[in-house]
PDB file of all heavy atoms in Angstrom:
ATOM      1  N   PHE A   1     -37.629   7.196  62.018  1.00  0.00           N
ATOM      2  CA  PHE A   1     -36.937   5.857  62.066  1.00  0.00           C
ATOM      3  C   PHE A   1     -37.013   5.097  60.704  1.00  0.00           C
ATOM      4  O   PHE A   1     -36.039   4.645  60.202  1.00  0.00           O
ATOM      5  CB  PHE A   1     -37.550   5.123  63.240  1.00  0.00           C
ATOM      6  CG  PHE A   1     -36.859   3.704  63.386  1.00  0.00           C
ATOM      7  CD1 PHE A   1     -35.609   3.432  63.086  1.00  0.00           C
ATOM      8  CD2 PHE A   1     -37.732   2.685  63.838  1.00  0.00           C
ATOM      9  CE1 PHE A   1     -35.071   2.157  63.276  1.00  0.00           C
ATOM     10  CE2 PHE A   1     -37.267   1.364  64.074  1.00  0.00           C
ATOM     11  CZ  PHE A   1     -35.886   1.147  63.803  1.00  0.00           C
ATOM     12  N   LEU A   2     -38.207   5.148  60.114  1.00  0.00           N
ATOM     13  CA  LEU A   2     -38.404   4.441  58.926  1.00  0.00           C
ATOM     14  C   LEU A   2     -37.616   5.037  57.770  1.00  0.00           C
ATOM     15  O   LEU A   2     -37.102   4.366  56.927  1.00  0.00           O
ATOM     16  CB  LEU A   2     -39.913   4.461  58.521  1.00  0.00           C
ATOM     17  CG  LEU A   2     -40.798   3.696  59.492  1.00  0.00           C
ATOM     18  CD1 LEU A   2     -42.294   3.717  59.053  1.00  0.00           C
ATOM     19  CD2 LEU A   2     -40.267   2.197  59.653  1.00  0.00           C
ATOM     20  N   LYS A   3     -37.588   6.407  57.888  1.00  0.00           N
ATOM     21  CA  LYS A   3     -36.719   7.044  56.784  1.00  0.00           C
ATOM     22  C   LYS A   3     -35.239   6.677  56.979  1.00  0.00           C
ATOM     23  O   LYS A   3     -34.479   6.431  55.912  1.00  0.00           O
ATOM     24  CB  LYS A   3     -36.713   8.552  57.093  1.00  0.00           C
ATOM     25  CG  LYS A   3     -38.052   9.280  56.516  1.00  0.00           C
ATOM     26  CD  LYS A   3     -38.073  10.719  56.911  1.00  0.00           C
ATOM     27  CE  LYS A   3     -39.463  11.243  56.628  1.00  0.00           C
ATOM     28  NZ  LYS A   3     -39.587  12.764  57.019  1.00  0.00           N
ATOM     29  N   PHE A   4     -34.766   6.522  58.091  1.00  0.00           N
ATOM     30  CA  PHE A   4     -33.383   5.986  58.308  1.00  0.00           C
ATOM     31  C   PHE A   4     -33.198   4.621  57.818  1.00  0.00           C
ATOM     32  O   PHE A   4     -32.217   4.288  57.128  1.00  0.00           O
ATOM     33  CB  PHE A   4     -32.993   6.018  59.807  1.00  0.00           C
ATOM     34  CG  PHE A   4     -31.649   5.313  60.162  1.00  0.00           C
ATOM     35  CD1 PHE A   4     -30.519   6.009  59.992  1.00  0.00           C
ATOM     36  CD2 PHE A   4     -31.646   4.072  60.644  1.00  0.00           C
ATOM     37  CE1 PHE A   4     -29.268   5.394  60.250  1.00  0.00           C
ATOM     38  CE2 PHE A   4     -30.515   3.392  60.935  1.00  0.00           C
ATOM     39  CZ  PHE A   4     -29.282   4.130  60.752  1.00  0.00           C
ATOM     40  N   LEU A   5     -34.112   3.762  58.158  1.00  0.00           N
ATOM     41  CA  LEU A   5     -34.101   2.435  57.599  1.00  0.00           C
ATOM     42  C   LEU A   5     -34.047   2.344  56.077  1.00  0.00           C
ATOM     43  O   LEU A   5     -33.323   1.505  55.432  1.00  0.00           O
ATOM     44  CB  LEU A   5     -35.268   1.501  58.192  1.00  0.00           C
ATOM     45  CG  LEU A   5     -35.348   1.343  59.667  1.00  0.00           C
ATOM     46  CD1 LEU A   5     -36.618   0.489  59.968  1.00  0.00           C
ATOM     47  CD2 LEU A   5     -34.109   0.682  60.228  1.00  0.00           C
ATOM     48  N   ASN A   6     -34.879   3.208  55.542  1.00  0.00           N
ATOM     49  CA  ASN A   6     -34.948   3.272  53.998  1.00  0.00           C
ATOM     50  C   ASN A   6     -33.553   3.688  53.501  1.00  0.00           C
ATOM     51  O   ASN A   6     -33.139   3.133  52.362  1.00  0.00           O
ATOM     52  CB  ASN A   6     -36.097   4.281  53.614  1.00  0.00           C
ATOM     53  CG  ASN A   6     -36.481   4.024  52.111  1.00  0.00           C
ATOM     54  OD1 ASN A   6     -36.353   2.956  51.569  1.00  0.00           O
ATOM     55  ND2 ASN A   6     -36.880   5.148  51.542  1.00  0.00           N
ATOM     56  N   GLU A   7     -32.955   4.599  54.085  1.00  0.00           N
ATOM     57  CA  GLU A   7     -31.670   5.092  53.661  1.00  0.00           C
ATOM     58  C   GLU A   7     -30.652   3.988  53.720  1.00  0.00           C
ATOM     59  O   GLU A   7     -29.635   3.930  53.016  1.00  0.00           O
ATOM     60  CB  GLU A   7     -31.142   6.370  54.414  1.00  0.00           C
ATOM     61  CG  GLU A   7     -32.011   7.544  54.134  1.00  0.00           C
ATOM     62  CD  GLU A   7     -31.717   8.727  55.078  1.00  0.00           C
ATOM     63  OE1 GLU A   7     -30.921   8.546  56.020  1.00  0.00           O
ATOM     64  OE2 GLU A   7     -32.431   9.750  55.025  1.00  0.00           O
ATOM     65  N   GLU A   8     -30.788   3.169  54.728  1.00  0.00           N
ATOM     66  CA  GLU A   8     -29.721   2.114  55.039  1.00  0.00           C
ATOM     67  C   GLU A   8     -30.228   0.759  54.653  1.00  0.00           C
ATOM     68  O   GLU A   8     -29.596  -0.272  55.005  1.00  0.00           O
ATOM     69  CB  GLU A   8     -29.408   2.141  56.555  1.00  0.00           C
ATOM     70  CG  GLU A   8     -28.923   3.396  57.166  1.00  0.00           C
ATOM     71  CD  GLU A   8     -27.548   3.702  56.653  1.00  0.00           C
ATOM     72  OE1 GLU A   8     -26.849   2.854  56.315  1.00  0.00           O
ATOM     73  OE2 GLU A   8     -27.213   4.957  56.596  1.00  0.00           O
ATOM     74  N   ILE A   9     -31.149   0.689  53.604  1.00  0.00           N
ATOM     75  CA  ILE A   9     -31.723  -0.657  53.333  1.00  0.00           C
ATOM     76  C   ILE A   9     -30.717  -1.587  52.787  1.00  0.00           C
ATOM     77  O   ILE A   9     -30.784  -2.814  53.042  1.00  0.00           O
ATOM     78  CB  ILE A   9     -32.789  -0.441  52.302  1.00  0.00           C
ATOM     79  CG1 ILE A   9     -33.615  -1.659  52.165  1.00  0.00           C
ATOM     80  CG2 ILE A   9     -32.418   0.082  51.025  1.00  0.00           C
ATOM     81  CD1 ILE A   9     -34.383  -2.243  53.425  1.00  0.00           C
ATOM     82  N   ASP A  10     -29.691  -1.139  51.988  1.00  0.00           N
ATOM     83  CA  ASP A  10     -28.736  -2.096  51.478  1.00  0.00           C
ATOM     84  C   ASP A  10     -27.845  -2.750  52.571  1.00  0.00           C
ATOM     85  O   ASP A  10     -27.654  -3.987  52.534  1.00  0.00           O
ATOM     86  CB  ASP A  10     -27.786  -1.358  50.534  1.00  0.00           C
ATOM     87  CG  ASP A  10     -28.348  -0.967  49.298  1.00  0.00           C
ATOM     88  OD1 ASP A  10     -29.638  -0.915  49.090  1.00  0.00           O
ATOM     89  OD2 ASP A  10     -27.624  -0.729  48.215  1.00  0.00           O
ATOM     90  N   VAL A  11     -27.574  -2.012  53.532  1.00  0.00           N
ATOM     91  CA  VAL A  11     -26.803  -2.636  54.712  1.00  0.00           C
ATOM     92  C   VAL A  11     -27.652  -3.496  55.490  1.00  0.00           C
ATOM     93  O   VAL A  11     -27.294  -4.621  55.894  1.00  0.00           O
ATOM     94  CB  VAL A  11     -26.172  -1.417  55.610  1.00  0.00           C
ATOM     95  CG1 VAL A  11     -25.581  -2.118  56.878  1.00  0.00           C
ATOM     96  CG2 VAL A  11     -25.211  -0.647  54.802  1.00  0.00           C
ATOM     97  N   LEU A  12     -28.910  -3.080  55.736  1.00  0.00           N
ATOM     98  CA  LEU A  12     -29.856  -3.967  56.589  1.00  0.00           C
ATOM     99  C   LEU A  12     -30.163  -5.256  55.903  1.00  0.00           C
ATOM    100  O   LEU A  12     -30.326  -6.273  56.627  1.00  0.00           O
ATOM    101  CB  LEU A  12     -31.121  -3.158  56.909  1.00  0.00           C
ATOM    102  CG  LEU A  12     -30.929  -1.843  57.643  1.00  0.00           C
ATOM    103  CD1 LEU A  12     -32.304  -1.178  57.710  1.00  0.00           C
ATOM    104  CD2 LEU A  12     -30.523  -2.216  59.152  1.00  0.00           C
ATOM    105  N   LEU A  13     -30.183  -5.265  54.616  1.00  0.00           N
ATOM    106  CA  LEU A  13     -30.432  -6.600  53.873  1.00  0.00           C
ATOM    107  C   LEU A  13     -29.228  -7.395  53.616  1.00  0.00           C
ATOM    108  O   LEU A  13     -29.263  -8.653  53.593  1.00  0.00           O
ATOM    109  CB  LEU A  13     -31.162  -6.303  52.577  1.00  0.00           C
ATOM    110  CG  LEU A  13     -32.580  -5.755  52.727  1.00  0.00           C
ATOM    111  CD1 LEU A  13     -33.183  -5.448  51.351  1.00  0.00           C
ATOM    112  CD2 LEU A  13     -33.466  -6.782  53.417  1.00  0.00           C
ATOM    113  N   CYS A  14     -28.055  -6.747  53.374  1.00  0.00           N
ATOM    114  CA  CYS A  14     -26.913  -7.428  52.919  1.00  0.00           C
ATOM    115  C   CYS A  14     -25.605  -7.075  53.475  1.00  0.00           C
ATOM    116  O   CYS A  14     -24.508  -7.308  53.075  1.00  0.00           O
ATOM    117  CB  CYS A  14     -26.737  -7.405  51.423  1.00  0.00           C
ATOM    118  SG  CYS A  14     -27.815  -8.497  50.541  1.00  0.00           S
ATOM    119  N   GLY A  15     -25.639  -6.204  54.602  1.00  0.00           N
ATOM    120  CA  GLY A  15     -24.470  -5.775  55.302  1.00  0.00           C
ATOM    121  C   GLY A  15     -23.692  -6.850  56.021  1.00  0.00           C
ATOM    122  O   GLY A  15     -24.281  -7.883  56.384  1.00  0.00           O
ATOM    123  N   THR A  16     -22.332  -6.678  56.197  1.00  0.00           N
ATOM    124  CA  THR A  16     -21.603  -7.735  56.849  1.00  0.00           C
ATOM    125  C   THR A  16     -21.909  -7.683  58.251  1.00  0.00           C
ATOM    126  O   THR A  16     -22.530  -6.756  58.858  1.00  0.00           O
ATOM    127  CB  THR A  16     -20.101  -7.361  56.703  1.00  0.00           C
ATOM    128  OG1 THR A  16     -19.838  -6.177  57.349  1.00  0.00           O
ATOM    129  CG2 THR A  16     -19.626  -7.259  55.241  1.00  0.00           C
ATOM    130  N   PRO A  17     -21.496  -8.801  59.045  1.00  0.00           N
ATOM    131  CA  PRO A  17     -21.854  -8.902  60.547  1.00  0.00           C
ATOM    132  C   PRO A  17     -21.324  -7.632  61.190  1.00  0.00           C
ATOM    133  O   PRO A  17     -22.056  -7.061  62.126  1.00  0.00           O
ATOM    134  CB  PRO A  17     -21.171 -10.159  60.986  1.00  0.00           C
ATOM    135  CG  PRO A  17     -21.243 -10.944  59.781  1.00  0.00           C
ATOM    136  CD  PRO A  17     -20.976  -9.997  58.572  1.00  0.00           C
ATOM    137  N   SER A  18     -20.166  -7.085  60.893  1.00  0.00           N
ATOM    138  CA  SER A  18     -19.656  -5.879  61.609  1.00  0.00           C
ATOM    139  C   SER A  18     -20.400  -4.692  61.292  1.00  0.00           C
ATOM    140  O   SER A  18     -20.651  -3.862  62.135  1.00  0.00           O
ATOM    141  CB  SER A  18     -18.120  -5.686  61.349  1.00  0.00           C
ATOM    142  OG  SER A  18     -17.976  -5.568  59.850  1.00  0.00           O
ATOM    143  N   GLU A  19     -21.026  -4.584  60.006  1.00  0.00           N
ATOM    144  CA  GLU A  19     -21.809  -3.435  59.583  1.00  0.00           C
ATOM    145  C   GLU A  19     -23.096  -3.599  60.389  1.00  0.00           C
ATOM    146  O   GLU A  19     -23.773  -2.610  60.776  1.00  0.00           O
ATOM    147  CB  GLU A  19     -22.076  -3.436  58.199  1.00  0.00           C
ATOM    148  CG  GLU A  19     -20.901  -3.025  57.331  1.00  0.00           C
ATOM    149  CD  GLU A  19     -21.035  -3.183  55.851  1.00  0.00           C
ATOM    150  OE1 GLU A  19     -21.731  -4.093  55.449  1.00  0.00           O
ATOM    151  OE2 GLU A  19     -20.490  -2.330  55.110  1.00  0.00           O
ATOM    152  N   LEU A  20     -23.699  -4.789  60.535  1.00  0.00           N
ATOM    153  CA  LEU A  20     -24.966  -4.991  61.239  1.00  0.00           C
ATOM    154  C   LEU A  20     -24.804  -4.624  62.799  1.00  0.00           C
ATOM    155  O   LEU A  20     -25.718  -3.878  63.313  1.00  0.00           O
ATOM    156  CB  LEU A  20     -25.462  -6.387  61.170  1.00  0.00           C
ATOM    157  CG  LEU A  20     -25.647  -6.900  59.749  1.00  0.00           C
ATOM    158  CD1 LEU A  20     -26.276  -8.357  59.852  1.00  0.00           C
ATOM    159  CD2 LEU A  20     -26.731  -6.054  58.986  1.00  0.00           C
ATOM    160  N   ILE A  21     -23.688  -4.934  63.350  1.00  0.00           N
ATOM    161  CA  ILE A  21     -23.539  -4.501  64.740  1.00  0.00           C
ATOM    162  C   ILE A  21     -23.526  -2.963  64.892  1.00  0.00           C
ATOM    163  O   ILE A  21     -24.036  -2.408  65.808  1.00  0.00           O
ATOM    164  CB  ILE A  21     -22.128  -5.104  65.208  1.00  0.00           C
ATOM    165  CG1 ILE A  21     -22.243  -6.627  65.430  1.00  0.00           C
ATOM    166  CG2 ILE A  21     -21.740  -4.446  66.491  1.00  0.00           C
ATOM    167  CD1 ILE A  21     -20.903  -7.282  65.715  1.00  0.00           C
ATOM    168  N   SER A  22     -22.840  -2.355  63.894  1.00  0.00           N
ATOM    169  CA  SER A  22     -22.841  -0.829  63.932  1.00  0.00           C
ATOM    170  C   SER A  22     -24.153  -0.272  63.863  1.00  0.00           C
ATOM    171  O   SER A  22     -24.513   0.697  64.501  1.00  0.00           O
ATOM    172  CB  SER A  22     -21.903  -0.326  62.807  1.00  0.00           C
ATOM    173  OG  SER A  22     -21.922   1.023  62.691  1.00  0.00           O
ATOM    174  N   LYS A  23     -25.013  -0.853  62.930  1.00  0.00           N
ATOM    175  CA  LYS A  23     -26.368  -0.280  62.753  1.00  0.00           C
ATOM    176  C   LYS A  23     -27.284  -0.585  64.001  1.00  0.00           C
ATOM    177  O   LYS A  23     -28.055   0.273  64.398  1.00  0.00           O
ATOM    178  CB  LYS A  23     -27.020  -0.935  61.543  1.00  0.00           C
ATOM    179  CG  LYS A  23     -26.374  -0.636  60.229  1.00  0.00           C
ATOM    180  CD  LYS A  23     -26.264   0.957  60.055  1.00  0.00           C
ATOM    181  CE  LYS A  23     -25.437   1.297  58.804  1.00  0.00           C
ATOM    182  NZ  LYS A  23     -25.090   2.722  58.858  1.00  0.00           N
ATOM    183  N   ILE A  24     -27.068  -1.685  64.570  1.00  0.00           N
ATOM    184  CA  ILE A  24     -27.867  -2.008  65.832  1.00  0.00           C
ATOM    185  C   ILE A  24     -27.549  -0.961  66.921  1.00  0.00           C
ATOM    186  O   ILE A  24     -28.474  -0.425  67.521  1.00  0.00           O
ATOM    187  CB  ILE A  24     -27.446  -3.448  66.371  1.00  0.00           C
ATOM    188  CG1 ILE A  24     -28.099  -4.502  65.480  1.00  0.00           C
ATOM    189  CG2 ILE A  24     -28.011  -3.574  67.795  1.00  0.00           C
ATOM    190  CD1 ILE A  24     -27.616  -5.955  65.931  1.00  0.00           C
ATOM    191  N   LYS A  25     -26.290  -0.735  67.062  1.00  0.00           N
ATOM    192  CA  LYS A  25     -25.907   0.246  68.058  1.00  0.00           C
ATOM    193  C   LYS A  25     -26.409   1.725  67.781  1.00  0.00           C
ATOM    194  O   LYS A  25     -27.017   2.311  68.751  1.00  0.00           O
ATOM    195  CB  LYS A  25     -24.372   0.416  68.157  1.00  0.00           C
ATOM    196  CG  LYS A  25     -23.861   1.321  69.228  1.00  0.00           C
ATOM    197  CD  LYS A  25     -22.331   1.297  69.218  1.00  0.00           C
ATOM    198  CE  LYS A  25     -21.703   2.096  70.495  1.00  0.00           C
ATOM    199  NZ  LYS A  25     -21.864   3.506  70.191  1.00  0.00           N
ATOM    200  N   TYR A  26     -26.399   2.119  66.515  1.00  0.00           N
ATOM    201  CA  TYR A  26     -26.915   3.406  66.157  1.00  0.00           C
ATOM    202  C   TYR A  26     -28.411   3.443  66.352  1.00  0.00           C
ATOM    203  O   TYR A  26     -28.936   4.469  66.803  1.00  0.00           O
ATOM    204  CB  TYR A  26     -26.514   3.703  64.744  1.00  0.00           C
ATOM    205  CG  TYR A  26     -26.868   5.141  64.299  1.00  0.00           C
ATOM    206  CD1 TYR A  26     -26.009   6.158  64.621  1.00  0.00           C
ATOM    207  CD2 TYR A  26     -28.136   5.398  63.689  1.00  0.00           C
ATOM    208  CE1 TYR A  26     -26.288   7.536  64.267  1.00  0.00           C
ATOM    209  CE2 TYR A  26     -28.382   6.722  63.326  1.00  0.00           C
ATOM    210  CZ  TYR A  26     -27.548   7.748  63.640  1.00  0.00           C
ATOM    211  OH  TYR A  26     -27.768   9.064  63.305  1.00  0.00           O
ATOM    212  N   ILE A  27     -29.107   2.436  65.899  1.00  0.00           N
ATOM    213  CA  ILE A  27     -30.605   2.397  65.975  1.00  0.00           C
ATOM    214  C   ILE A  27     -30.985   2.410  67.455  1.00  0.00           C
ATOM    215  O   ILE A  27     -31.926   3.184  67.859  1.00  0.00           O
ATOM    216  CB  ILE A  27     -31.130   1.166  65.311  1.00  0.00           C
ATOM    217  CG1 ILE A  27     -31.034   1.304  63.759  1.00  0.00           C
ATOM    218  CG2 ILE A  27     -32.545   0.960  65.775  1.00  0.00           C
ATOM    219  CD1 ILE A  27     -31.325   0.079  62.976  1.00  0.00           C
ATOM    220  N   GLU A  28     -30.306   1.674  68.340  1.00  0.00           N
ATOM    221  CA  GLU A  28     -30.694   1.659  69.794  1.00  0.00           C
ATOM    222  C   GLU A  28     -30.409   2.932  70.449  1.00  0.00           C
ATOM    223  O   GLU A  28     -31.136   3.358  71.330  1.00  0.00           O
ATOM    224  CB  GLU A  28     -30.082   0.499  70.441  1.00  0.00           C
ATOM    225  CG  GLU A  28     -30.588  -0.837  70.008  1.00  0.00           C
ATOM    226  CD  GLU A  28     -30.112  -1.990  70.718  1.00  0.00           C
ATOM    227  OE1 GLU A  28     -29.112  -1.874  71.457  1.00  0.00           O
ATOM    228  OE2 GLU A  28     -30.694  -3.049  70.663  1.00  0.00           O
ATOM    229  N   GLU A  29     -29.382   3.681  70.045  1.00  0.00           N
ATOM    230  CA  GLU A  29     -29.018   4.950  70.722  1.00  0.00           C
ATOM    231  C   GLU A  29     -30.015   6.018  70.209  1.00  0.00           C
ATOM    232  O   GLU A  29     -30.218   6.894  70.908  1.00  0.00           O
ATOM    233  CB  GLU A  29     -27.679   5.274  70.300  1.00  0.00           C
ATOM    234  CG  GLU A  29     -26.584   4.517  70.953  1.00  0.00           C
ATOM    235  CD  GLU A  29     -25.146   5.015  70.511  1.00  0.00           C
ATOM    236  OE1 GLU A  29     -25.045   5.538  69.400  1.00  0.00           O
ATOM    237  OE2 GLU A  29     -24.164   4.603  71.278  1.00  0.00           O
ATOM    238  N   ASN A  30     -30.554   5.953  69.013  1.00  0.00           N
ATOM    239  CA  ASN A  30     -31.258   7.028  68.413  1.00  0.00           C
ATOM    240  C   ASN A  30     -32.788   6.809  68.047  1.00  0.00           C
ATOM    241  O   ASN A  30     -33.504   7.746  68.035  1.00  0.00           O
ATOM    242  CB  ASN A  30     -30.581   7.466  67.111  1.00  0.00           C
ATOM    243  CG  ASN A  30     -29.204   8.061  67.360  1.00  0.00           C
ATOM    244  OD1 ASN A  30     -28.981   9.165  67.779  1.00  0.00           O
ATOM    245  ND2 ASN A  30     -28.152   7.171  67.118  1.00  0.00           N
ATOM    246  N   TYR A  31     -33.120   5.474  67.844  1.00  0.00           N
ATOM    247  CA  TYR A  31     -34.406   5.371  67.396  1.00  0.00           C
ATOM    248  C   TYR A  31     -35.335   4.321  68.237  1.00  0.00           C
ATOM    249  O   TYR A  31     -36.475   4.633  68.633  1.00  0.00           O
ATOM    250  CB  TYR A  31     -34.457   4.820  65.950  1.00  0.00           C
ATOM    251  CG  TYR A  31     -33.951   5.919  64.999  1.00  0.00           C
ATOM    252  CD1 TYR A  31     -32.637   5.755  64.384  1.00  0.00           C
ATOM    253  CD2 TYR A  31     -34.621   6.997  64.661  1.00  0.00           C
ATOM    254  CE1 TYR A  31     -32.159   6.691  63.561  1.00  0.00           C
ATOM    255  CE2 TYR A  31     -34.241   7.943  63.770  1.00  0.00           C
ATOM    256  CZ  TYR A  31     -32.928   7.858  63.217  1.00  0.00           C
ATOM    257  OH  TYR A  31     -32.480   8.763  62.314  1.00  0.00           O
ATOM    258  N   PHE A  32     -34.721   3.099  68.588  1.00  0.00           N
ATOM    259  CA  PHE A  32     -35.673   2.094  69.038  1.00  0.00           C
ATOM    260  C   PHE A  32     -34.847   0.904  69.641  1.00  0.00           C
ATOM    261  O   PHE A  32     -33.793   0.495  69.213  1.00  0.00           O
ATOM    262  CB  PHE A  32     -36.465   1.554  67.794  1.00  0.00           C
ATOM    263  CG  PHE A  32     -37.187   0.200  68.073  1.00  0.00           C
ATOM    264  CD1 PHE A  32     -38.331   0.297  68.820  1.00  0.00           C
ATOM    265  CD2 PHE A  32     -36.727  -0.950  67.575  1.00  0.00           C
ATOM    266  CE1 PHE A  32     -39.030  -0.893  69.097  1.00  0.00           C
ATOM    267  CE2 PHE A  32     -37.485  -2.129  67.701  1.00  0.00           C
ATOM    268  CZ  PHE A  32     -38.550  -2.041  68.548  1.00  0.00           C
ATOM    269  N   ILE A  33     -35.392   0.484  70.795  1.00  0.00           N
ATOM    270  CA  ILE A  33     -34.949  -0.852  71.428  1.00  0.00           C
ATOM    271  C   ILE A  33     -36.152  -1.659  71.624  1.00  0.00           C
ATOM    272  O   ILE A  33     -37.166  -1.230  72.190  1.00  0.00           O
ATOM    273  CB  ILE A  33     -34.308  -0.519  72.827  1.00  0.00           C
ATOM    274  CG1 ILE A  33     -33.191   0.549  72.673  1.00  0.00           C
ATOM    275  CG2 ILE A  33     -33.775  -1.822  73.458  1.00  0.00           C
ATOM    276  CD1 ILE A  33     -32.580   0.984  74.006  1.00  0.00           C
TER     277      ILE A  33
END
């Protein structure tokens, strides 16, 4: 999970709202709720 967050750090810190929604969905489906 942390490796994924590290790869997506730019989006997690500065992604647009639509990009954040996409990341939330992917994280909840695959890593953590």
